Amino acid sequence: MVIGASGAIGAALVARLRADPKCAEVVGLHRRSLPRIDFGNEESIAAAAVALSRGPAFELIINAAGLLHSPRFMPEKRFSDLNYAQMFETFRVNAFGPALVFSHFSKLIGNDRAVMAVLSAKVGSIADNRLGGWYSYRASKAALNMFLKTASIEMKRTKPNAVLAALHPGTVTSCLSQPFRGAEAGRAPNDAAADMLDVIDNLTPASTGQFFSYSGEKLPW
């Protein structure tokens, strides 16, 4: 399952998984899919999980949805730019929605090895923050990482073969990166999807609760 399947990276993940002969079925979810999922609507998250619970267990669930900017705002460069509306919308998409995915969708994976992965970002690493700026985005990804780490501890008690991991996709050419020289500096979404699926393939239950780059490098919190 890929959540955020209408975005550049999400669509690339769906395409690669559908082309993989080892993958029997792929479900792509977004705000216009059936079932639909919208992080602005809490009920849609629970309803989508119920609708998909009637099928077989999932071996992989990836949340590829994320928000850096919108028609209403750009990332804050200084703390004088902070405001509730931008902070709340950014946290809702990048942290609160994915946290509810852990809550509702963890029931859809089986007891064998299964992976729940979230697309985080290296700028969400507190230890790696050297440039500052992008307050809401950085903080929301740091919050996402904490939700994942905490969920991985709880999941280990009931589903010891599950792997929960945060993934940094790198700079990818997409609507998210376009205002920030993403077209020049970024990689193709298909390349990012391939790299992250390679990382996922090599994860073991011992990897749960950790943060990885698309290269396989373990990143600091």
Protein backbone atom coordinates (compact mmCIF):
# COMPACT_ATOMS: atom_id res chain seq x y z
CA MET A 1 0.00 0.00 0.00
CA VAL A 2 1.21 3.49 -0.86
CA ILE A 3 -0.47 6.45 0.86
CA GLY A 4 0.00 9.70 -1.04
CA ALA A 5 -0.04 7.80 -4.33
CA SER A 6 -0.98 10.87 -6.38
CA GLY A 7 2.30 12.67 -5.58
CA ALA A 8 5.50 12.34 -7.60
CA ILE A 9 7.27 9.91 -5.27
CA GLY A 10 4.08 8.06 -4.33
CA ALA A 11 3.16 7.48 -7.98
CA ALA A 12 6.69 6.27 -8.72
CA LEU A 13 6.53 3.83 -5.81
CA VAL A 14 3.20 2.46 -7.07
CA ALA A 15 4.56 2.05 -10.61
CA ARG A 16 7.68 0.20 -9.46
CA LEU A 17 5.76 -2.09 -7.13
CA ARG A 18 3.21 -2.94 -9.82
CA ALA A 19 6.07 -3.82 -12.17
CA ASP A 20 7.66 -6.12 -9.57
CA PRO A 21 6.72 -9.77 -10.21
CA LYS A 22 7.10 -10.49 -6.48
CA CYS A 23 4.31 -8.03 -5.66
CA ALA A 24 0.86 -9.59 -5.99
CA GLU A 25 -1.24 -6.45 -5.48
CA VAL A 26 -0.70 -2.72 -4.94
CA VAL A 27 -3.18 -0.32 -3.38
CA GLY A 28 -2.61 3.39 -3.93
CA LEU A 29 -4.46 5.79 -1.64
CA HIS A 30 -4.96 9.54 -1.93
CA ARG A 31 -7.71 12.13 -1.52
CA ARG A 32 -9.57 10.97 -4.65
CA SER A 33 -9.02 7.21 -4.45
CA LEU A 34 -11.53 4.56 -3.40
CA PRO A 35 -11.29 4.24 -0.50
CA ARG A 36 -10.07 7.79 -0.05
CA ILE A 37 -7.67 9.07 2.58
CA ASP A 38 -7.31 12.71 3.51
CA PHE A 39 -5.17 13.79 6.45
CA GLY A 40 -7.46 16.81 6.79
CA ASN A 41 -10.30 14.41 7.60
CA GLU A 42 -9.62 12.10 10.53
CA GLU A 43 -12.64 9.91 9.80
CA SER A 44 -11.32 9.10 6.30
CA ILE A 45 -8.21 7.48 7.79
CA ALA A 46 -10.20 5.12 10.01
CA ALA A 47 -12.73 4.39 7.24
CA ALA A 48 -10.02 3.52 4.71
CA ALA A 49 -8.43 1.10 7.18
CA VAL A 50 -11.78 -0.61 7.81
CA ALA A 51 -12.46 -0.91 4.07
CA LEU A 52 -9.08 -2.52 3.44
CA SER A 53 -9.23 -4.85 6.45
CA ARG A 54 -11.45 -7.26 4.50
CA GLY A 55 -8.57 -8.30 2.24
CA PRO A 56 -5.29 -10.13 2.87
CA ALA A 57 -2.65 -8.72 5.20
CA PHE A 58 -0.22 -6.19 3.75
CA GLU A 59 3.52 -6.82 3.68
CA LEU A 60 4.40 -3.17 2.99
CA ILE A 61 2.70 0.11 3.83
CA ILE A 62 4.44 3.35 2.82
CA ASN A 63 3.25 6.84 3.67
CA ALA A 64 4.58 9.12 0.93
CA ALA A 65 2.33 12.11 1.66
CA GLY A 66 3.99 15.32 2.81
CA LEU A 67 3.71 19.11 2.84
CA LEU A 68 6.46 21.74 2.57
CA HIS A 69 4.57 24.68 1.04
CA SER A 70 1.16 25.51 -0.36
CA PRO A 71 -0.49 28.34 -2.32
CA ARG A 72 -0.96 30.04 1.06
CA PHE A 73 2.56 29.83 2.46
CA MET A 74 6.25 29.05 1.93
CA PRO A 75 8.66 27.59 4.52
CA GLU A 76 9.49 30.06 7.27
CA LYS A 77 12.99 31.54 7.04
CA ARG A 78 12.94 33.14 10.52
CA PHE A 79 10.95 32.68 13.71
CA SER A 80 9.17 35.99 13.14
CA ASP A 81 7.38 34.23 10.24
CA LEU A 82 5.73 31.64 12.50
CA ASN A 83 1.94 31.47 12.68
CA TYR A 84 -0.60 28.94 13.93
CA ALA A 85 -2.30 28.30 10.59
CA GLN A 86 0.88 27.27 8.78
CA MET A 87 2.24 25.26 11.70
CA PHE A 88 -1.01 23.36 12.17
CA GLU A 89 -1.45 22.53 8.48
CA THR A 90 2.16 21.37 8.16
CA PHE A 91 1.97 19.22 11.30
CA ARG A 92 -1.40 17.76 10.27
CA VAL A 93 -0.02 16.42 6.99
CA ASN A 94 3.52 15.54 8.07
CA ALA A 95 2.98 14.23 11.61
CA PHE A 96 -0.63 13.95 12.83
CA GLY A 97 -1.97 12.13 9.76
CA PRO A 98 0.88 9.60 9.64
CA ALA A 99 0.49 9.01 13.39
CA LEU A 100 -3.14 8.04 12.80
CA VAL A 101 -1.97 5.75 9.99
CA PHE A 102 0.12 3.89 12.59
CA SER A 103 -2.95 3.73 14.83
CA HIS A 104 -5.40 2.39 12.25
CA PHE A 105 -3.29 0.67 9.58
CA SER A 106 -0.99 -1.33 11.86
CA LYS A 107 -3.93 -3.75 12.16
CA LEU A 108 -3.62 -4.51 8.43
CA ILE A 109 -0.17 -6.11 8.57
CA GLY A 110 0.32 -9.76 9.43
CA ASN A 111 2.56 -11.48 11.96
CA ASP A 112 5.28 -12.30 9.43
CA ARG A 113 7.88 -9.73 8.37
CA ALA A 114 6.09 -6.57 7.28
CA VAL A 115 7.28 -3.00 6.83
CA MET A 116 5.55 0.27 7.65
CA ALA A 117 7.66 3.11 6.27
CA VAL A 118 7.22 6.87 6.32
CA LEU A 119 8.90 9.43 4.12
CA SER A 120 10.65 11.74 6.52
CA ALA A 121 13.42 14.21 5.65
CA LYS A 122 17.03 14.73 6.66
CA VAL A 123 16.15 18.31 7.64
CA GLY A 124 13.99 16.76 10.38
CA SER A 125 17.15 15.48 12.09
CA ILE A 126 17.81 17.65 15.17
CA ALA A 127 21.44 16.51 15.33
CA ASP A 128 22.00 17.39 11.66
CA ASN A 129 20.38 20.87 11.76
CA ARG A 130 23.14 23.32 10.86
CA LEU A 131 21.35 25.88 8.68
CA GLY A 132 18.14 26.64 10.59
CA GLY A 133 15.00 27.92 8.87
CA TRP A 134 12.06 25.87 7.58
CA TYR A 135 10.69 25.79 11.12
CA SER A 136 7.37 24.01 10.67
CA TYR A 137 8.68 21.50 8.13
CA ARG A 138 11.73 20.57 10.22
CA ALA A 139 9.72 20.33 13.43
CA SER A 140 6.91 18.31 11.83
CA LYS A 141 9.36 15.77 10.44
CA ALA A 142 11.10 15.55 13.83
CA ALA A 143 7.67 14.92 15.37
CA LEU A 144 6.98 12.27 12.72
CA ASN A 145 10.25 10.56 13.62
CA MET A 146 9.25 10.50 17.29
CA PHE A 147 5.81 9.09 16.49
CA LEU A 148 7.50 6.34 14.46
CA LYS A 149 10.11 5.55 17.12
CA THR A 150 7.47 5.35 19.83
CA ALA A 151 5.12 3.25 17.68
CA SER A 152 7.97 0.85 16.87
CA ILE A 153 8.47 0.14 20.59
CA GLU A 154 4.79 -0.66 21.08
CA MET A 155 4.58 -2.74 17.88
CA LYS A 156 7.55 -4.85 18.91
CA ARG A 157 5.54 -6.20 21.83
CA THR A 158 2.67 -7.48 19.69
CA LYS A 159 4.23 -7.95 16.23
CA PRO A 160 7.95 -8.62 16.74
CA ASN A 161 8.54 -9.23 13.01
CA ALA A 162 7.24 -5.79 12.00
CA VAL A 163 9.67 -3.10 10.84
CA LEU A 164 8.82 0.58 11.23
CA ALA A 165 11.30 2.88 9.50
CA ALA A 166 11.67 6.53 8.52
CA LEU A 167 13.16 7.14 5.07
CA HIS A 168 14.88 10.21 3.63
CA PRO A 169 14.26 10.25 -0.15
CA GLY A 170 16.79 12.97 -0.93
CA THR A 171 16.02 15.96 -3.13
CA VAL A 172 13.56 14.75 -5.76
CA THR A 173 12.14 16.62 -8.73
CA SER A 174 8.53 17.24 -7.69
CA CYS A 175 5.99 19.93 -6.89
CA LEU A 176 7.37 19.94 -3.35
CA SER A 177 10.94 20.78 -4.42
CA GLN A 178 10.17 22.88 -7.51
CA PRO A 179 10.41 26.31 -5.82
CA PHE A 180 13.80 25.38 -4.36
CA ARG A 181 15.79 24.46 -7.47
CA GLY A 182 14.45 20.92 -7.25
CA ALA A 183 14.34 20.65 -11.05
CA GLU A 184 18.09 21.31 -11.24
CA ALA A 185 19.29 19.64 -8.05
CA GLY A 186 16.81 16.80 -7.67
CA ARG A 187 16.76 13.22 -8.86
CA ALA A 188 13.96 11.62 -10.83
CA PRO A 189 11.11 10.26 -8.66
CA ASN A 190 11.60 6.82 -10.20
CA ASP A 191 15.23 6.77 -9.04
CA ALA A 192 14.24 7.81 -5.52
CA ALA A 193 11.54 5.12 -5.43
CA ALA A 194 13.98 2.44 -6.59
CA ASP A 195 16.56 3.43 -3.98
CA MET A 196 14.07 3.45 -1.12
CA LEU A 197 12.57 0.10 -2.11
CA ASP A 198 16.11 -1.33 -2.11
CA VAL A 199 16.57 -0.01 1.43
CA ILE A 200 13.22 -1.50 2.47
CA ASP A 201 14.18 -4.89 1.01
CA ASN A 202 17.23 -4.99 3.31
CA LEU A 203 15.45 -4.02 6.52
CA THR A 204 15.10 -6.64 9.25
CA PRO A 205 13.15 -6.57 12.53
CA ALA A 206 16.39 -5.35 14.13
CA SER A 207 16.10 -2.22 11.95
CA THR A 208 12.79 -1.15 13.43
CA GLY A 209 12.49 2.34 14.85
CA GLN A 210 15.39 3.73 12.83
CA PHE A 211 15.94 6.52 10.28
CA PHE A 212 17.59 5.75 6.93
CA SER A 213 18.70 7.70 3.88
CA TYR A 214 17.85 6.47 0.38
CA SER A 215 21.50 5.31 0.21
CA GLY A 216 20.97 2.97 3.16
CA GLU A 217 22.95 5.21 5.55
CA LYS A 218 21.54 5.36 9.06
CA LEU A 219 20.70 8.98 9.93
CA PRO A 220 20.86 10.61 13.38
CA TRP A 221 17.69 11.73 15.13
